[in-house]
Amino acid sequence: MTIMSDAPLKATLVNKANGTEITLPEIAIFGRKQESTISLPDNRVSRRHAMIRCQEEGDYWFYDLGSFNGSYINGERVTTVRQLEHGDLIRISDFEYEFGMQQPGKTDNGPAKDMQVVPMIILVSDIKGFTRLSEVIPHDELAQAIGSWYGYCDQILNEHGAAIDKFIGDAVLAYWTDTSPNARKWALSAARYLRESCDLIQEEMKSTFDRYGMSFTSGVAMHLGEVSWGTLGQGGLTMLGDAVNTTFRIQALTRQLGSDVLVTADFLEGWKEGSKYTRALGSHSLKGRQAPVDILAVERAPDLFLR
C-alpha cells in the first residue's frame, strides 16, 4: 500500500547571505540573465548556469548546464545529475543557497492516483561510452560536457514539443502525448538535433577530447506504444510500462546496429511518409521480451527550419 501526503511537498531555496526564501517551481534555472528563475548577477556565472528539476515522486534533481566555473553541492563539484536532499548547500560563484523540503504529515491514501493508459511517442537518448569517458577525462572537464548536453537536451526537446520525464545520469527520457504523423516528424527532427548537439560539444571542447583521444556521441531510440501515464505519489507527470522499457532496450542497440538513431516499426505504423526517412534493419530480440521487435535506422530527418 502506497503512503502519500495530503498536500504536495514544498521545495525551497534559502539564500544564505540574506535569508530570503524562494519556493521552487517544477523547473528552476540559475543564470546571469535577469529573466532566470534565480538571477545571479556575476560575470563568473553563465547565462544558463544550472537547473533544478522536479522529477517523479516529487524528488528534485540538480544539473549543471555546462558552466565554465561549475556548480557545487556540499563543497563537491557537480559532475552529473544529482538528487537534492534536505539541507544540501548549493554554491555557484559566491552565491550559496540551502535546499529544503517541507515535511508534511503523511496519510495512507492507497495506490497512486490519476494514472491512465495512453499511447505516446517515447524517446531515449544516451551518451555512448560514458563509463570510459568517466575513467579517462577529469571530472571537472567531463562535467562541462555533460552539463552542456543537459542544456541542449532541455532546449531541443522543449522546442520540439516534447515533455522531459527525467534525466538519468547520462540519459534522458522524454515523450510526446500527440502521436499524429506531424508529431512523429517533430520527434525525428528532435532526434537529429540531439545528435548534432553532441557534434557541437565535441567542437566546443575539441582540445579536451583530442587530448584524451575520446569522442562525445549519443544514441537515440524512439518507439510508439501504450504507457501508464499520470501523477505518481507527490511527483509530477510520469510514465511507466513495457513501452518505456522497450525504448531503453532499443537505444542500447545503437552501437551494435551501427546507427545513431533507431525507431521501431510501431513508430512508423499508419504513417506512410515515415518510410522515406528510415532503413529496415530486421527483427531483433530484446532482453525481457519474448517477441522480437522490428527496428529501423533513421537515415535523415524532416527539415522543420527551427534554426
C-alpha atoms as a PDB file:
ATOM      1  CA  MET A   1       0.000   0.000   0.000  1.00  0.00           C
ATOM      2  CA  THR A   2       1.416   3.387  -1.027  1.00  0.00           C
ATOM      3  CA  ILE A   3       1.859   6.126   1.563  1.00  0.00           C
ATOM      4  CA  MET A   4       1.178   9.607   0.259  1.00  0.00           C
ATOM      5  CA  SER A   5       0.805  13.058   1.783  1.00  0.00           C
ATOM      6  CA  ASP A   6      -2.395  15.109   1.830  1.00  0.00           C
ATOM      7  CA  ALA A   7      -0.537  18.071   0.302  1.00  0.00           C
ATOM      8  CA  PRO A   8       2.239  18.305  -2.259  1.00  0.00           C
ATOM      9  CA  LEU A   9       5.765  18.646  -0.964  1.00  0.00           C
ATOM     10  CA  LYS A  10       7.169  22.176  -0.964  1.00  0.00           C
ATOM     11  CA  ALA A  11      10.772  22.667  -2.032  1.00  0.00           C
ATOM     12  CA  THR A  12      12.619  25.869  -1.199  1.00  0.00           C
ATOM     13  CA  LEU A  13      15.967  27.574  -1.547  1.00  0.00           C
ATOM     14  CA  VAL A  14      17.185  29.887   1.192  1.00  0.00           C
ATOM     15  CA  ASN A  15      19.784  32.499   0.279  1.00  0.00           C
ATOM     16  CA  LYS A  16      22.472  32.049   2.942  1.00  0.00           C
ATOM     17  CA  ALA A  17      23.595  35.680   2.611  1.00  0.00           C
ATOM     18  CA  ASN A  18      20.269  37.353   3.436  1.00  0.00           C
ATOM     19  CA  GLY A  19      17.842  34.587   4.449  1.00  0.00           C
ATOM     20  CA  THR A  20      15.494  35.166   1.512  1.00  0.00           C
ATOM     21  CA  GLU A  21      13.414  32.067   0.736  1.00  0.00           C
ATOM     22  CA  ILE A  22      12.408  31.023  -2.795  1.00  0.00           C
ATOM     23  CA  THR A  23       9.675  28.438  -3.399  1.00  0.00           C
ATOM     24  CA  LEU A  24      10.865  26.279  -6.267  1.00  0.00           C
ATOM     25  CA  PRO A  25       8.704  25.739  -9.351  1.00  0.00           C
ATOM     26  CA  GLU A  26       8.879  22.437 -11.267  1.00  0.00           C
ATOM     27  CA  ILE A  27      11.864  23.780 -13.238  1.00  0.00           C
ATOM     28  CA  ALA A  28      14.188  26.490 -11.934  1.00  0.00           C
ATOM     29  CA  ILE A  29      17.104  27.978 -13.868  1.00  0.00           C
ATOM     30  CA  PHE A  30      20.139  29.623 -12.260  1.00  0.00           C
ATOM     31  CA  GLY A  31      21.808  32.122 -14.552  1.00  0.00           C
ATOM     32  CA  ARG A  32      23.261  35.532 -15.173  1.00  0.00           C
ATOM     33  CA  LYS A  33      20.244  36.545 -17.264  1.00  0.00           C
ATOM     34  CA  GLN A  34      17.728  38.723 -15.440  1.00  0.00           C
ATOM     35  CA  GLU A  35      14.839  36.506 -16.551  1.00  0.00           C
ATOM     36  CA  SER A  36      16.362  33.419 -14.884  1.00  0.00           C
ATOM     37  CA  THR A  37      14.358  31.895 -12.017  1.00  0.00           C
ATOM     38  CA  ILE A  38      17.329  32.578  -9.746  1.00  0.00           C
ATOM     39  CA  SER A  39      19.228  35.501 -11.263  1.00  0.00           C
ATOM     40  CA  LEU A  40      22.893  35.701 -10.212  1.00  0.00           C
ATOM     41  CA  PRO A  41      24.439  38.974 -11.458  1.00  0.00           C
ATOM     42  CA  ASP A  42      28.085  37.951 -11.699  1.00  0.00           C
ATOM     43  CA  ASN A  43      30.276  37.560 -14.790  1.00  0.00           C
ATOM     44  CA  ARG A  44      31.559  34.245 -13.409  1.00  0.00           C
ATOM     45  CA  VAL A  45      28.029  32.872 -13.724  1.00  0.00           C
ATOM     46  CA  SER A  46      26.955  31.572 -17.143  1.00  0.00           C
ATOM     47  CA  ARG A  47      23.821  32.867 -18.852  1.00  0.00           C
ATOM     48  CA  ARG A  48      22.184  29.442 -18.228  1.00  0.00           C
ATOM     49  CA  HIS A  49      24.360  28.069 -15.472  1.00  0.00           C
ATOM     50  CA  ALA A  50      22.410  25.319 -13.720  1.00  0.00           C
ATOM     51  CA  MET A  51      18.938  23.874 -13.316  1.00  0.00           C
ATOM     52  CA  ILE A  52      16.780  22.241 -10.656  1.00  0.00           C
ATOM     53  CA  ARG A  53      14.013  19.983 -11.987  1.00  0.00           C
ATOM     54  CA  CYS A  54      11.268  18.142 -10.134  1.00  0.00           C
ATOM     55  CA  GLN A  55      11.054  14.555 -11.332  1.00  0.00           C
ATOM     56  CA  GLU A  56       8.808  11.624 -10.410  1.00  0.00           C
ATOM     57  CA  GLU A  57       7.869  11.024  -6.763  1.00  0.00           C
ATOM     58  CA  GLY A  58       8.410  14.741  -6.089  1.00  0.00           C
ATOM     59  CA  ASP A  59      12.197  14.440  -5.971  1.00  0.00           C
ATOM     60  CA  TYR A  60      14.269  17.455  -7.010  1.00  0.00           C
ATOM     61  CA  TRP A  61      17.410  16.979  -9.083  1.00  0.00           C
ATOM     62  CA  PHE A  62      20.242  19.410  -9.785  1.00  0.00           C
ATOM     63  CA  TYR A  63      22.032  19.788 -13.134  1.00  0.00           C
ATOM     64  CA  ASP A  64      24.961  21.955 -14.071  1.00  0.00           C
ATOM     65  CA  LEU A  65      24.337  23.132 -17.649  1.00  0.00           C
ATOM     66  CA  GLY A  66      27.929  23.098 -18.855  1.00  0.00           C
ATOM     67  CA  SER A  67      29.072  26.188 -16.976  1.00  0.00           C
ATOM     68  CA  PHE A  68      32.773  27.022 -17.183  1.00  0.00           C
ATOM     69  CA  ASN A  69      33.164  27.736 -13.459  1.00  0.00           C
ATOM     70  CA  GLY A  70      30.989  24.869 -12.271  1.00  0.00           C
ATOM     71  CA  SER A  71      28.391  24.319  -9.559  1.00  0.00           C
ATOM     72  CA  TYR A  72      28.987  22.802  -6.135  1.00  0.00           C
ATOM     73  CA  ILE A  73      26.827  20.839  -3.700  1.00  0.00           C
ATOM     74  CA  ASN A  74      28.181  20.484  -0.178  1.00  0.00           C
ATOM     75  CA  GLY A  75      31.603  21.565  -1.455  1.00  0.00           C
ATOM     76  CA  GLU A  76      31.819  18.996  -4.287  1.00  0.00           C
ATOM     77  CA  ARG A  77      31.668  19.947  -7.951  1.00  0.00           C
ATOM     78  CA  VAL A  78      28.580  18.570  -9.693  1.00  0.00           C
ATOM     79  CA  THR A  79      29.717  16.234 -12.480  1.00  0.00           C
ATOM     80  CA  THR A  80      26.369  14.676 -13.421  1.00  0.00           C
ATOM     81  CA  VAL A  81      22.709  14.877 -12.429  1.00  0.00           C
ATOM     82  CA  ARG A  82      22.363  14.777  -8.653  1.00  0.00           C
ATOM     83  CA  GLN A  83      19.341  14.310  -6.426  1.00  0.00           C
ATOM     84  CA  LEU A  84      18.940  17.035  -3.834  1.00  0.00           C
ATOM     85  CA  GLU A  85      18.461  16.199  -0.164  1.00  0.00           C
ATOM     86  CA  HIS A  86      17.045  18.401   2.578  1.00  0.00           C
ATOM     87  CA  GLY A  87      19.813  20.660   3.880  1.00  0.00           C
ATOM     88  CA  ASP A  88      22.087  20.445   0.816  1.00  0.00           C
ATOM     89  CA  LEU A  89      24.171  23.569   0.216  1.00  0.00           C
ATOM     90  CA  ILE A  90      24.353  24.746  -3.400  1.00  0.00           C
ATOM     91  CA  ARG A  91      27.161  27.125  -4.329  1.00  0.00           C
ATOM     92  CA  ILE A  92      27.549  28.959  -7.638  1.00  0.00           C
ATOM     93  CA  SER A  93      30.364  31.521  -7.678  1.00  0.00           C
ATOM     94  CA  ASP A  94      29.929  33.440  -4.378  1.00  0.00           C
ATOM     95  CA  PHE A  95      26.210  32.671  -4.118  1.00  0.00           C
ATOM     96  CA  GLU A  96      25.115  29.973  -1.673  1.00  0.00           C
ATOM     97  CA  TYR A  97      21.648  28.505  -1.159  1.00  0.00           C
ATOM     98  CA  GLU A  98      20.312  25.863   1.191  1.00  0.00           C
ATOM     99  CA  PHE A  99      17.824  23.415  -0.311  1.00  0.00           C
ATOM    100  CA  GLY A 100      14.867  22.441   1.845  1.00  0.00           C
ATOM    101  CA  MET A 101      11.848  20.150   1.623  1.00  0.00           C
ATOM    102  CA  GLN A 102       8.727  20.722   3.649  1.00  0.00           C
ATOM    103  CA  GLN A 103       7.821  17.557   5.564  1.00  0.00           C
ATOM    104  CA  PRO A 104       4.017  17.496   5.741  1.00  0.00           C
ATOM    105  CA  GLY A 105       2.118  14.889   7.713  1.00  0.00           C
ATOM    106  CA  LYS A 106       1.584  11.621   5.867  1.00  0.00           C
ATOM    107  CA  THR A 107      -1.658   9.769   5.381  1.00  0.00           C
ATOM    108  CA  ASP A 108      -2.487   6.443   3.798  1.00  0.00           C
ATOM    109  CA  ASN A 109      -4.309   7.302   0.576  1.00  0.00           C
ATOM    110  CA  GLY A 110      -3.976   3.947  -1.158  1.00  0.00           C
ATOM    111  CA  PRO A 111      -2.302   3.405  -4.513  1.00  0.00           C
ATOM    112  CA  ALA A 112      -1.016   6.038  -6.909  1.00  0.00           C
ATOM    113  CA  LYS A 113      -3.685   8.310  -8.373  1.00  0.00           C
ATOM    114  CA  ASP A 114      -4.681   9.588 -11.785  1.00  0.00           C
ATOM    115  CA  MET A 115      -2.749   7.037 -13.861  1.00  0.00           C
ATOM    116  CA  GLN A 116      -4.262   6.290 -17.266  1.00  0.00           C
ATOM    117  CA  VAL A 117      -3.214   4.111 -20.194  1.00  0.00           C
ATOM    118  CA  VAL A 118      -2.475   6.265 -23.267  1.00  0.00           C
ATOM    119  CA  PRO A 119      -0.443   5.958 -26.481  1.00  0.00           C
ATOM    120  CA  MET A 120       2.748   8.035 -26.608  1.00  0.00           C
ATOM    121  CA  ILE A 121       5.880   8.632 -28.629  1.00  0.00           C
ATOM    122  CA  ILE A 122       8.778   7.750 -26.330  1.00  0.00           C
ATOM    123  CA  LEU A 123      12.363   8.945 -26.821  1.00  0.00           C
ATOM    124  CA  VAL A 124      15.511   7.832 -25.026  1.00  0.00           C
ATOM    125  CA  SER A 125      18.897   9.414 -25.703  1.00  0.00           C
ATOM    126  CA  ASP A 126      22.085   8.216 -24.037  1.00  0.00           C
ATOM    127  CA  ILE A 127      25.728   9.268 -24.180  1.00  0.00           C
ATOM    128  CA  LYS A 128      27.784   6.463 -25.688  1.00  0.00           C
ATOM    129  CA  GLY A 129      30.721   5.058 -23.737  1.00  0.00           C
ATOM    130  CA  PHE A 130      30.032   7.192 -20.706  1.00  0.00           C
ATOM    131  CA  THR A 131      31.825   4.812 -18.339  1.00  0.00           C
ATOM    132  CA  ARG A 132      35.006   5.054 -20.409  1.00  0.00           C
ATOM    133  CA  LEU A 133      34.681   8.848 -20.674  1.00  0.00           C
ATOM    134  CA  SER A 134      34.424   8.989 -16.878  1.00  0.00           C
ATOM    135  CA  GLU A 135      37.564   6.891 -16.494  1.00  0.00           C
ATOM    136  CA  VAL A 136      39.690   8.939 -18.906  1.00  0.00           C
ATOM    137  CA  ILE A 137      38.549  12.571 -18.716  1.00  0.00           C
ATOM    138  CA  PRO A 138      38.949  14.510 -15.441  1.00  0.00           C
ATOM    139  CA  HIS A 139      35.634  15.103 -13.706  1.00  0.00           C
ATOM    140  CA  ASP A 140      35.785  18.893 -13.950  1.00  0.00           C
ATOM    141  CA  GLU A 141      36.180  18.763 -17.719  1.00  0.00           C
ATOM    142  CA  LEU A 142      33.637  15.992 -18.231  1.00  0.00           C
ATOM    143  CA  ALA A 143      31.150  17.880 -16.064  1.00  0.00           C
ATOM    144  CA  GLN A 144      31.233  20.766 -18.517  1.00  0.00           C
ATOM    145  CA  ALA A 145      30.482  18.442 -21.457  1.00  0.00           C
ATOM    146  CA  ILE A 146      27.679  16.601 -19.655  1.00  0.00           C
ATOM    147  CA  GLY A 147      26.205  19.863 -18.422  1.00  0.00           C
ATOM    148  CA  SER A 148      26.188  21.299 -21.942  1.00  0.00           C
ATOM    149  CA  TRP A 149      24.426  18.144 -23.114  1.00  0.00           C
ATOM    150  CA  TYR A 150      21.727  18.543 -20.446  1.00  0.00           C
ATOM    151  CA  GLY A 151      21.216  22.116 -21.594  1.00  0.00           C
ATOM    152  CA  TYR A 152      20.931  21.183 -25.265  1.00  0.00           C
ATOM    153  CA  CYS A 153      18.515  18.320 -24.453  1.00  0.00           C
ATOM    154  CA  ASP A 154      16.295  20.625 -22.416  1.00  0.00           C
ATOM    155  CA  GLN A 155      16.212  23.274 -25.150  1.00  0.00           C
ATOM    156  CA  ILE A 156      15.795  20.939 -28.142  1.00  0.00           C
ATOM    157  CA  LEU A 157      13.090  18.752 -26.642  1.00  0.00           C
ATOM    158  CA  ASN A 158      11.087  21.737 -25.427  1.00  0.00           C
ATOM    159  CA  GLU A 159      11.349  23.386 -28.859  1.00  0.00           C
ATOM    160  CA  HIS A 160      10.023  20.197 -30.450  1.00  0.00           C
ATOM    161  CA  GLY A 161       7.015  19.893 -28.174  1.00  0.00           C
ATOM    162  CA  ALA A 162       8.280  17.010 -26.023  1.00  0.00           C
ATOM    163  CA  ALA A 163       7.969  16.690 -22.265  1.00  0.00           C
ATOM    164  CA  ILE A 164      11.068  15.540 -20.397  1.00  0.00           C
ATOM    165  CA  ASP A 165      10.166  12.788 -17.948  1.00  0.00           C
ATOM    166  CA  LYS A 166      13.603  12.623 -16.371  1.00  0.00           C
ATOM    167  CA  PHE A 167      17.360  12.773 -16.793  1.00  0.00           C
ATOM    168  CA  ILE A 168      19.088   9.626 -15.558  1.00  0.00           C
ATOM    169  CA  GLY A 169      22.813  10.269 -15.289  1.00  0.00           C
ATOM    170  CA  ASP A 170      23.943  10.072 -18.909  1.00  0.00           C
ATOM    171  CA  ALA A 171      20.467   9.542 -20.413  1.00  0.00           C
ATOM    172  CA  VAL A 172      17.260  11.480 -20.988  1.00  0.00           C
ATOM    173  CA  LEU A 173      13.720  10.086 -21.222  1.00  0.00           C
ATOM    174  CA  ALA A 174      11.117  12.221 -22.998  1.00  0.00           C
ATOM    175  CA  TYR A 175       7.719  11.801 -24.622  1.00  0.00           C
ATOM    176  CA  TRP A 176       5.024  13.292 -26.825  1.00  0.00           C
ATOM    177  CA  THR A 177       1.362  12.784 -25.905  1.00  0.00           C
ATOM    178  CA  ASP A 178       0.455  13.556 -29.541  1.00  0.00           C
ATOM    179  CA  THR A 179       1.096  10.503 -31.757  1.00  0.00           C
ATOM    180  CA  SER A 180      -0.020  12.006 -35.083  1.00  0.00           C
ATOM    181  CA  PRO A 181       2.215  11.852 -38.175  1.00  0.00           C
ATOM    182  CA  ASN A 182       3.036  15.529 -37.622  1.00  0.00           C
ATOM    183  CA  ALA A 183       4.209  14.809 -34.067  1.00  0.00           C
ATOM    184  CA  ARG A 184       6.378  11.981 -35.386  1.00  0.00           C
ATOM    185  CA  LYS A 185       8.021  14.442 -37.785  1.00  0.00           C
ATOM    186  CA  TRP A 186       8.853  16.653 -34.821  1.00  0.00           C
ATOM    187  CA  ALA A 187      10.240  13.655 -32.958  1.00  0.00           C
ATOM    188  CA  LEU A 188      12.544  12.752 -35.878  1.00  0.00           C
ATOM    189  CA  SER A 189      13.699  16.356 -36.058  1.00  0.00           C
ATOM    190  CA  ALA A 190      14.380  16.366 -32.309  1.00  0.00           C
ATOM    191  CA  ALA A 191      16.489  13.212 -32.659  1.00  0.00           C
ATOM    192  CA  ARG A 192      18.506  14.879 -35.399  1.00  0.00           C
ATOM    193  CA  TYR A 193      19.269  17.952 -33.294  1.00  0.00           C
ATOM    194  CA  LEU A 194      20.079  15.851 -30.239  1.00  0.00           C
ATOM    195  CA  ARG A 195      22.714  14.049 -32.300  1.00  0.00           C
ATOM    196  CA  GLU A 196      24.044  17.301 -33.743  1.00  0.00           C
ATOM    197  CA  SER A 197      24.321  18.771 -30.246  1.00  0.00           C
ATOM    198  CA  CYS A 198      26.990  16.170 -29.474  1.00  0.00           C
ATOM    199  CA  ASP A 199      28.964  17.330 -32.510  1.00  0.00           C
ATOM    200  CA  LEU A 200      28.710  20.898 -31.214  1.00  0.00           C
ATOM    201  CA  ILE A 201      30.015  19.854 -27.792  1.00  0.00           C
ATOM    202  CA  GLN A 202      32.827  17.890 -29.441  1.00  0.00           C
ATOM    203  CA  GLU A 203      33.842  21.022 -31.343  1.00  0.00           C
ATOM    204  CA  GLU A 204      33.404  23.381 -28.373  1.00  0.00           C
ATOM    205  CA  MET A 205      35.679  21.163 -26.257  1.00  0.00           C
ATOM    206  CA  LYS A 206      37.919  19.947 -29.078  1.00  0.00           C
ATOM    207  CA  SER A 207      41.150  20.400 -27.138  1.00  0.00           C
ATOM    208  CA  THR A 208      39.842  18.264 -24.263  1.00  0.00           C
ATOM    209  CA  PHE A 209      38.572  15.396 -26.391  1.00  0.00           C
ATOM    210  CA  ASP A 210      41.653  15.456 -28.653  1.00  0.00           C
ATOM    211  CA  ARG A 211      43.947  15.390 -25.629  1.00  0.00           C
ATOM    212  CA  TYR A 212      42.393  12.174 -24.343  1.00  0.00           C
ATOM    213  CA  GLY A 213      41.616  10.629 -27.729  1.00  0.00           C
ATOM    214  CA  MET A 214      37.900  10.456 -26.980  1.00  0.00           C
ATOM    215  CA  SER A 215      34.708  11.398 -28.806  1.00  0.00           C
ATOM    216  CA  PHE A 216      31.378  12.655 -27.495  1.00  0.00           C
ATOM    217  CA  THR A 217      28.437  10.933 -29.191  1.00  0.00           C
ATOM    218  CA  SER A 218      24.960   9.761 -28.312  1.00  0.00           C
ATOM    219  CA  GLY A 219      22.406   7.203 -29.406  1.00  0.00           C
ATOM    220  CA  VAL A 220      18.693   7.911 -29.749  1.00  0.00           C
ATOM    221  CA  ALA A 221      15.770   5.475 -29.849  1.00  0.00           C
ATOM    222  CA  MET A 222      12.070   6.157 -30.416  1.00  0.00           C
ATOM    223  CA  HIS A 223       9.050   3.936 -30.027  1.00  0.00           C
ATOM    224  CA  LEU A 224       5.282   4.402 -30.065  1.00  0.00           C
ATOM    225  CA  GLY A 225       3.244   2.416 -27.565  1.00  0.00           C
ATOM    226  CA  GLU A 226       0.800   2.497 -24.679  1.00  0.00           C
ATOM    227  CA  VAL A 227       2.055   3.587 -21.275  1.00  0.00           C
ATOM    228  CA  SER A 228       0.580   4.228 -17.841  1.00  0.00           C
ATOM    229  CA  TRP A 229       0.802   7.996 -17.544  1.00  0.00           C
ATOM    230  CA  GLY A 230      -0.184  10.394 -14.820  1.00  0.00           C
ATOM    231  CA  THR A 231       0.667  11.608 -11.330  1.00  0.00           C
ATOM    232  CA  LEU A 232       2.565   9.114  -9.186  1.00  0.00           C
ATOM    233  CA  GLY A 233       2.698   9.857  -5.480  1.00  0.00           C
ATOM    234  CA  GLN A 234       3.534  13.513  -4.842  1.00  0.00           C
ATOM    235  CA  GLY A 235       5.532  13.880  -8.040  1.00  0.00           C
ATOM    236  CA  GLY A 236       4.699  15.413 -11.392  1.00  0.00           C
ATOM    237  CA  LEU A 237       3.582  13.577 -14.507  1.00  0.00           C
ATOM    238  CA  THR A 238       5.445  10.375 -15.280  1.00  0.00           C
ATOM    239  CA  MET A 239       5.049   7.264 -17.433  1.00  0.00           C
ATOM    240  CA  LEU A 240       5.541   3.567 -16.789  1.00  0.00           C
ATOM    241  CA  GLY A 241       5.225   0.327 -18.700  1.00  0.00           C
ATOM    242  CA  ASP A 242       6.643  -2.117 -21.224  1.00  0.00           C
ATOM    243  CA  ALA A 243       6.826   0.506 -23.989  1.00  0.00           C
ATOM    244  CA  VAL A 244       9.238   2.573 -21.886  1.00  0.00           C
ATOM    245  CA  ASN A 245      11.445  -0.438 -21.180  1.00  0.00           C
ATOM    246  CA  THR A 246      11.388  -1.369 -24.877  1.00  0.00           C
ATOM    247  CA  THR A 247      12.670   2.081 -25.859  1.00  0.00           C
ATOM    248  CA  PHE A 248      15.595   1.804 -23.444  1.00  0.00           C
ATOM    249  CA  ARG A 249      16.459  -1.665 -24.798  1.00  0.00           C
ATOM    250  CA  ILE A 250      16.431  -0.383 -28.383  1.00  0.00           C
ATOM    251  CA  GLN A 251      18.645   2.566 -27.531  1.00  0.00           C
ATOM    252  CA  ALA A 252      21.224   0.101 -26.209  1.00  0.00           C
ATOM    253  CA  LEU A 253      21.408  -1.411 -29.719  1.00  0.00           C
ATOM    254  CA  THR A 254      22.533   1.786 -31.478  1.00  0.00           C
ATOM    255  CA  ARG A 255      26.227   0.861 -31.378  1.00  0.00           C
ATOM    256  CA  GLN A 256      25.637  -2.813 -32.231  1.00  0.00           C
ATOM    257  CA  LEU A 257      23.480  -1.947 -35.256  1.00  0.00           C
ATOM    258  CA  GLY A 258      25.730   0.876 -36.464  1.00  0.00           C
ATOM    259  CA  SER A 259      23.106   3.616 -36.379  1.00  0.00           C
ATOM    260  CA  ASP A 260      22.877   6.571 -34.012  1.00  0.00           C
ATOM    261  CA  VAL A 261      19.088   6.860 -34.306  1.00  0.00           C
ATOM    262  CA  LEU A 262      16.749   3.848 -34.230  1.00  0.00           C
ATOM    263  CA  VAL A 263      12.956   3.582 -34.345  1.00  0.00           C
ATOM    264  CA  THR A 264      10.527   0.683 -34.171  1.00  0.00           C
ATOM    265  CA  ALA A 265       8.012  -0.363 -36.804  1.00  0.00           C
ATOM    266  CA  ASP A 266       5.340   0.748 -34.292  1.00  0.00           C
ATOM    267  CA  PHE A 267       6.722   4.292 -34.541  1.00  0.00           C
ATOM    268  CA  LEU A 268       6.004   4.231 -38.301  1.00  0.00           C
ATOM    269  CA  GLU A 269       2.692   2.361 -38.222  1.00  0.00           C
ATOM    270  CA  GLY A 270      -0.037   4.239 -40.084  1.00  0.00           C
ATOM    271  CA  TRP A 271       2.433   6.859 -41.353  1.00  0.00           C
ATOM    272  CA  LYS A 272       3.352   6.086 -44.964  1.00  0.00           C
ATOM    273  CA  GLU A 273       5.648   9.077 -45.350  1.00  0.00           C
ATOM    274  CA  GLY A 274       7.800   7.825 -42.474  1.00  0.00           C
ATOM    275  CA  SER A 275       9.387   5.107 -44.596  1.00  0.00           C
ATOM    276  CA  LYS A 276      11.308   7.689 -46.634  1.00  0.00           C
ATOM    277  CA  TYR A 277      13.305   8.634 -43.544  1.00  0.00           C
ATOM    278  CA  THR A 278      14.275   5.117 -42.489  1.00  0.00           C
ATOM    279  CA  ARG A 279      16.008   1.868 -43.490  1.00  0.00           C
ATOM    280  CA  ALA A 280      14.857  -1.521 -42.215  1.00  0.00           C
ATOM    281  CA  LEU A 281      17.298  -3.443 -40.008  1.00  0.00           C
ATOM    282  CA  GLY A 282      15.155  -6.535 -39.461  1.00  0.00           C
ATOM    283  CA  SER A 283      13.727  -8.090 -36.308  1.00  0.00           C
ATOM    284  CA  HIS A 284      15.751  -8.175 -33.101  1.00  0.00           C
ATOM    285  CA  SER A 285      15.293  -9.871 -29.757  1.00  0.00           C
ATOM    286  CA  LEU A 286      15.246  -7.601 -26.728  1.00  0.00           C
ATOM    287  CA  LYS A 287      16.062  -8.560 -23.169  1.00  0.00           C
ATOM    288  CA  GLY A 288      12.902  -9.266 -21.210  1.00  0.00           C
ATOM    289  CA  ARG A 289      10.662  -9.605 -24.276  1.00  0.00           C
ATOM    290  CA  GLN A 290       9.573 -12.863 -25.904  1.00  0.00           C
ATOM    291  CA  ALA A 291       8.576 -11.457 -29.292  1.00  0.00           C
ATOM    292  CA  PRO A 292      11.263  -9.828 -31.474  1.00  0.00           C
ATOM    293  CA  VAL A 293      10.883  -6.170 -32.443  1.00  0.00           C
ATOM    294  CA  ASP A 294      11.218  -4.735 -35.971  1.00  0.00           C
ATOM    295  CA  ILE A 295      13.827  -1.967 -35.884  1.00  0.00           C
ATOM    296  CA  LEU A 296      14.721   0.670 -38.458  1.00  0.00           C
ATOM    297  CA  ALA A 297      17.639   3.082 -38.772  1.00  0.00           C
ATOM    298  CA  VAL A 298      16.806   6.751 -39.288  1.00  0.00           C
ATOM    299  CA  GLU A 299      18.710   7.905 -42.369  1.00  0.00           C
ATOM    300  CA  ARG A 300      17.512  11.507 -42.391  1.00  0.00           C
ATOM    301  CA  ALA A 301      15.011  13.761 -40.664  1.00  0.00           C
ATOM    302  CA  PRO A 302      12.470  16.382 -41.751  1.00  0.00           C
ATOM    303  CA  ASP A 303      13.854  19.886 -42.017  1.00  0.00           C
ATOM    304  CA  LEU A 304      11.461  21.915 -39.918  1.00  0.00           C
ATOM    305  CA  PHE A 305      13.505  25.132 -40.177  1.00  0.00           C
ATOM    306  CA  LEU A 306      13.820  25.572 -36.431  1.00  0.00           C
ATOM    307  CA  ARG A 307      17.310  27.034 -36.507  1.00  0.00           C
END
